[in-house]
C-alpha atoms as a PDB file:
ATOM      1  CA  MET A   1     148.843  98.228 257.086  1.00  0.00           C
ATOM      2  CA  ASN A   2     147.246  95.034 258.554  1.00  0.00           C
ATOM      3  CA  LEU A   3     148.681  93.304 261.389  1.00  0.00           C
ATOM      4  CA  ARG A   4     147.719  89.681 261.800  1.00  0.00           C
ATOM      5  CA  ILE A   5     148.572  86.086 262.929  1.00  0.00           C
ATOM      6  CA  ALA A   6     150.463  84.258 260.196  1.00  0.00           C
ATOM      7  CA  LYS A   7     148.691  81.296 258.324  1.00  0.00           C
ATOM      8  CA  LYS A   8     150.389  78.418 256.405  1.00  0.00           C
ATOM      9  CA  ASP A   9     149.769  80.206 253.129  1.00  0.00           C
ATOM     10  CA  ASP A  10     152.025  82.883 254.287  1.00  0.00           C
ATOM     11  CA  CYS A  11     155.084  80.375 254.478  1.00  0.00           C
ATOM     12  CA  PRO A  12     156.525  80.988 251.007  1.00  0.00           C
ATOM     13  CA  ARG A  13     156.600  84.705 251.599  1.00  0.00           C
ATOM     14  CA  LEU A  14     158.072  84.510 254.992  1.00  0.00           C
ATOM     15  CA  LEU A  15     160.843  82.388 253.768  1.00  0.00           C
ATOM     16  CA  GLU A  16     161.371  85.055 251.026  1.00  0.00           C
ATOM     17  CA  LEU A  17     161.910  87.502 253.774  1.00  0.00           C
ATOM     18  CA  VAL A  18     164.275  85.077 255.734  1.00  0.00           C
ATOM     19  CA  HIS A  19     166.501  84.730 252.458  1.00  0.00           C
ATOM     20  CA  GLU A  20     166.439  88.623 252.322  1.00  0.00           C
ATOM     21  CA  LEU A  21     167.460  89.060 256.015  1.00  0.00           C
ATOM     22  CA  ALA A  22     170.131  86.147 255.489  1.00  0.00           C
ATOM     23  CA  LEU A  23     171.630  88.419 252.435  1.00  0.00           C
ATOM     24  CA  PHE A  24     171.622  91.390 254.696  1.00  0.00           C
ATOM     25  CA  GLU A  25     173.378  89.652 257.405  1.00  0.00           C
ATOM     26  CA  LYS A  26     175.991  88.390 255.007  1.00  0.00           C
ATOM     27  CA  ALA A  27     175.132  84.686 255.445  1.00  0.00           C
ATOM     28  CA  PRO A  28     172.730  83.478 252.723  1.00  0.00           C
ATOM     29  CA  GLN A  29     174.329  79.902 252.723  1.00  0.00           C
ATOM     30  CA  GLU A  30     173.220  79.471 256.230  1.00  0.00           C
ATOM     31  CA  VAL A  31     169.492  79.188 255.340  1.00  0.00           C
ATOM     32  CA  THR A  32     168.927  75.510 254.762  1.00  0.00           C
ATOM     33  CA  VAL A  33     165.409  74.889 255.901  1.00  0.00           C
ATOM     34  CA  THR A  34     162.921  73.807 253.213  1.00  0.00           C
ATOM     35  CA  LEU A  35     159.512  75.244 252.642  1.00  0.00           C
ATOM     36  CA  GLU A  36     157.948  71.878 253.756  1.00  0.00           C
ATOM     37  CA  GLU A  37     160.048  71.854 257.091  1.00  0.00           C
ATOM     38  CA  PHE A  38     159.298  75.457 257.830  1.00  0.00           C
ATOM     39  CA  GLU A  39     155.498  74.894 257.266  1.00  0.00           C
ATOM     40  CA  ASP A  40     155.483  71.758 259.275  1.00  0.00           C
ATOM     41  CA  ALA A  41     157.414  73.383 262.165  1.00  0.00           C
ATOM     42  CA  GLY A  42     154.780  76.211 262.262  1.00  0.00           C
ATOM     43  CA  PHE A  43     151.536  74.477 261.161  1.00  0.00           C
ATOM     44  CA  GLY A  44     152.158  70.458 261.356  1.00  0.00           C
ATOM     45  CA  ASN A  45     150.999  68.229 264.209  1.00  0.00           C
ATOM     46  CA  ASN A  46     153.420  69.708 266.714  1.00  0.00           C
ATOM     47  CA  PRO A  47     153.899  73.316 265.973  1.00  0.00           C
ATOM     48  CA  VAL A  48     156.855  74.991 267.589  1.00  0.00           C
ATOM     49  CA  TRP A  49     156.662  78.684 266.353  1.00  0.00           C
ATOM     50  CA  LYS A  50     153.976  81.500 266.008  1.00  0.00           C
ATOM     51  CA  ALA A  51     154.303  84.600 263.812  1.00  0.00           C
ATOM     52  CA  PHE A  52     152.580  87.985 263.295  1.00  0.00           C
ATOM     53  CA  VAL A  53     152.772  89.431 259.745  1.00  0.00           C
ATOM     54  CA  VAL A  54     152.167  93.022 258.390  1.00  0.00           C
ATOM     55  CA  GLU A  55     150.759  93.252 255.041  1.00  0.00           C
ATOM     56  CA  VAL A  56     150.225  96.270 252.712  1.00  0.00           C
ATOM     57  CA  ASP A  57     147.980  95.682 249.838  1.00  0.00           C
ATOM     58  CA  ASN A  58     148.045  91.854 250.607  1.00  0.00           C
ATOM     59  CA  VAL A  59     151.770  91.630 250.477  1.00  0.00           C
ATOM     60  CA  ILE A  60     153.672  90.794 253.581  1.00  0.00           C
ATOM     61  CA  VAL A  61     156.193  93.395 254.468  1.00  0.00           C
ATOM     62  CA  GLY A  62     157.342  92.119 257.775  1.00  0.00           C
ATOM     63  CA  PHE A  63     157.099  89.567 260.251  1.00  0.00           C
ATOM     64  CA  GLY A  64     157.887  88.438 263.716  1.00  0.00           C
ATOM     65  CA  LEU A  65     158.277  84.853 264.593  1.00  0.00           C
ATOM     66  CA  TYR A  66     158.776  83.385 268.121  1.00  0.00           C
ATOM     67  CA  TYR A  67     158.812  80.289 270.037  1.00  0.00           C
ATOM     68  CA  ILE A  68     158.842  79.340 273.718  1.00  0.00           C
ATOM     69  CA  ARG A  69     162.122  79.108 275.501  1.00  0.00           C
ATOM     70  CA  TYR A  70     162.529  77.624 278.683  1.00  0.00           C
ATOM     71  CA  SER A  71     165.229  79.052 281.078  1.00  0.00           C
ATOM     72  CA  THR A  72     166.277  77.280 284.171  1.00  0.00           C
ATOM     73  CA  TRP A  73     167.086  80.437 285.729  1.00  0.00           C
ATOM     74  CA  LYS A  74     163.820  82.694 284.479  1.00  0.00           C
ATOM     75  CA  GLY A  75     161.079  80.226 283.501  1.00  0.00           C
ATOM     76  CA  CYS A  76     159.161  80.314 280.318  1.00  0.00           C
ATOM     77  CA  ARG A  77     160.174  83.073 277.962  1.00  0.00           C
ATOM     78  CA  MET A  78     159.373  84.337 274.481  1.00  0.00           C
ATOM     79  CA  TYR A  79     162.356  83.795 272.128  1.00  0.00           C
ATOM     80  CA  LEU A  80     161.992  86.209 269.236  1.00  0.00           C
ATOM     81  CA  GLU A  81     163.735  84.241 266.376  1.00  0.00           C
ATOM     82  CA  ASP A  82     163.224  86.727 263.866  1.00  0.00           C
ATOM     83  CA  LEU A  83     161.887  90.377 263.376  1.00  0.00           C
ATOM     84  CA  ILE A  84     162.070  91.153 259.718  1.00  0.00           C
ATOM     85  CA  VAL A  85     160.873  93.928 257.691  1.00  0.00           C
ATOM     86  CA  THR A  86     161.605  94.175 254.042  1.00  0.00           C
ATOM     87  CA  GLU A  87     164.107  96.884 253.226  1.00  0.00           C
ATOM     88  CA  SER A  88     161.709  99.184 251.212  1.00  0.00           C
ATOM     89  CA  TRP A  89     159.434  99.268 254.458  1.00  0.00           C
ATOM     90  CA  ARG A  90     162.073  99.952 257.069  1.00  0.00           C
ATOM     91  CA  GLY A  91     161.554 103.052 259.144  1.00  0.00           C
ATOM     92  CA  LYS A  92     157.763 103.228 258.332  1.00  0.00           C
ATOM     93  CA  GLY A  93     156.594 101.759 261.636  1.00  0.00           C
ATOM     94  CA  VAL A  94     156.307  98.174 260.466  1.00  0.00           C
ATOM     95  CA  GLY A  95     158.743  96.839 262.992  1.00  0.00           C
ATOM     96  CA  LYS A  96     157.310  98.877 265.895  1.00  0.00           C
ATOM     97  CA  MET A  97     153.972  97.482 265.051  1.00  0.00           C
ATOM     98  CA  LEU A  98     155.342  94.021 265.235  1.00  0.00           C
ATOM     99  CA  PHE A  99     157.359  94.276 268.008  1.00  0.00           C
ATOM    100  CA  ASP A 100     154.657  96.102 270.003  1.00  0.00           C
ATOM    101  CA  ARG A 101     152.318  93.019 269.251  1.00  0.00           C
ATOM    102  CA  LEU A 102     155.060  90.536 270.326  1.00  0.00           C
ATOM    103  CA  VAL A 103     155.350  92.254 273.729  1.00  0.00           C
ATOM    104  CA  GLN A 104     151.806  92.295 274.261  1.00  0.00           C
ATOM    105  CA  GLU A 105     151.586  88.342 273.331  1.00  0.00           C
ATOM    106  CA  ALA A 106     154.425  87.758 275.911  1.00  0.00           C
ATOM    107  CA  ARG A 107     152.429  89.679 278.513  1.00  0.00           C
ATOM    108  CA  GLU A 108     149.041  87.922 277.475  1.00  0.00           C
ATOM    109  CA  LEU A 109     150.590  84.491 277.683  1.00  0.00           C
ATOM    110  CA  GLY A 110     152.256  85.143 281.036  1.00  0.00           C
ATOM    111  CA  PHE A 111     156.013  84.796 279.870  1.00  0.00           C
ATOM    112  CA  ASN A 112     158.724  85.884 282.363  1.00  0.00           C
ATOM    113  CA  GLY A 113     160.212  88.017 279.646  1.00  0.00           C
ATOM    114  CA  MET A 114     161.515  88.125 276.022  1.00  0.00           C
ATOM    115  CA  THR A 115     164.904  87.221 274.553  1.00  0.00           C
ATOM    116  CA  TRP A 116     166.431  87.543 271.151  1.00  0.00           C
ATOM    117  CA  GLN A 117     169.777  88.190 269.475  1.00  0.00           C
ATOM    118  CA  VAL A 118     171.086  91.071 267.428  1.00  0.00           C
ATOM    119  CA  LEU A 119     174.220  91.352 265.460  1.00  0.00           C
ATOM    120  CA  ASP A 120     176.773  93.575 266.968  1.00  0.00           C
ATOM    121  CA  TRP A 121     177.252  95.462 263.809  1.00  0.00           C
ATOM    122  CA  ASN A 122     173.575  95.899 263.170  1.00  0.00           C
ATOM    123  CA  GLU A 123     173.444  99.543 264.477  1.00  0.00           C
ATOM    124  CA  PRO A 124     170.000 100.378 263.266  1.00  0.00           C
ATOM    125  CA  ALA A 125     168.426  97.114 265.102  1.00  0.00           C
ATOM    126  CA  ILE A 126     170.491  97.959 268.208  1.00  0.00           C
ATOM    127  CA  ASN A 127     169.077 101.366 268.191  1.00  0.00           C
ATOM    128  CA  PHE A 128     165.559 100.290 267.623  1.00  0.00           C
ATOM    129  CA  TYR A 129     165.683  97.935 270.690  1.00  0.00           C
ATOM    130  CA  LYS A 130     167.389 100.534 272.608  1.00  0.00           C
ATOM    131  CA  LYS A 131     164.120 102.606 272.192  1.00  0.00           C
ATOM    132  CA  TYR A 132     162.338  99.730 274.321  1.00  0.00           C
ATOM    133  CA  GLU A 133     165.244  99.915 276.927  1.00  0.00           C
ATOM    134  CA  ALA A 134     166.308  96.548 276.165  1.00  0.00           C
ATOM    135  CA  ALA A 135     169.388  94.999 277.732  1.00  0.00           C
ATOM    136  CA  ILE A 136     171.777  94.117 275.268  1.00  0.00           C
ATOM    137  CA  GLU A 137     174.369  91.763 276.848  1.00  0.00           C
ATOM    138  CA  ALA A 138     177.853  91.450 275.969  1.00  0.00           C
ATOM    139  CA  GLY A 139     180.154  88.184 276.722  1.00  0.00           C
ATOM    140  CA  TRP A 140     178.019  85.307 275.220  1.00  0.00           C
ATOM    141  CA  LEU A 141     179.076  83.328 272.388  1.00  0.00           C
ATOM    142  CA  ASN A 142     176.766  81.454 269.993  1.00  0.00           C
ATOM    143  CA  ALA A 143     177.258  77.647 269.847  1.00  0.00           C
ATOM    144  CA  SER A 144     175.603  75.128 267.554  1.00  0.00           C
ATOM    145  CA  LEU A 145     175.764  71.719 265.917  1.00  0.00           C
ATOM    146  CA  SER A 146     174.640  71.218 262.267  1.00  0.00           C
ATOM    147  CA  LYS A 147     172.373  68.401 261.285  1.00  0.00           C
ATOM    148  CA  GLU A 148     175.399  66.762 259.603  1.00  0.00           C
ATOM    149  CA  GLN A 149     177.214  67.045 263.054  1.00  0.00           C
ATOM    150  CA  ILE A 150     174.453  65.426 264.815  1.00  0.00           C
ATOM    151  CA  LEU A 151     173.893  62.501 262.538  1.00  0.00           C
ATOM    152  CA  PRO A 152     176.996  60.332 263.389  1.00  0.00           C
ATOM    153  CA  TYR A 153     175.812  60.266 267.145  1.00  0.00           C
END
């Protein structure tokens, strides 16, 4: 297994894994980002995300993608948007390799912590994060506006 920083050429495979995750999370219709938007957001003039990938025999089997989140309570924190391991490679250390590298990155960049979301029914993921003694909070509800909802304003 080879761990490295993602590059622009990886984006098509990363989006494949995003679609795989969306199927697993029972929300495939929710992935609306285009390849061009994804590439630009990571590698354009103003990149907003960074990712680490794990590849086996030159095929990406997992990735962790983050961006910087600012909290008025906590300061700069890493927001882990996705930690995805393709189904056939789960339970083989890929997720641990990625998560450990992300924790190291947060420490190296001086972030005041890491945050992420996990679905309340995703027991394997919850158990994975509990191994790190992660605090898993209840009581917060997600809120959002879609592009279509923003356009009229």
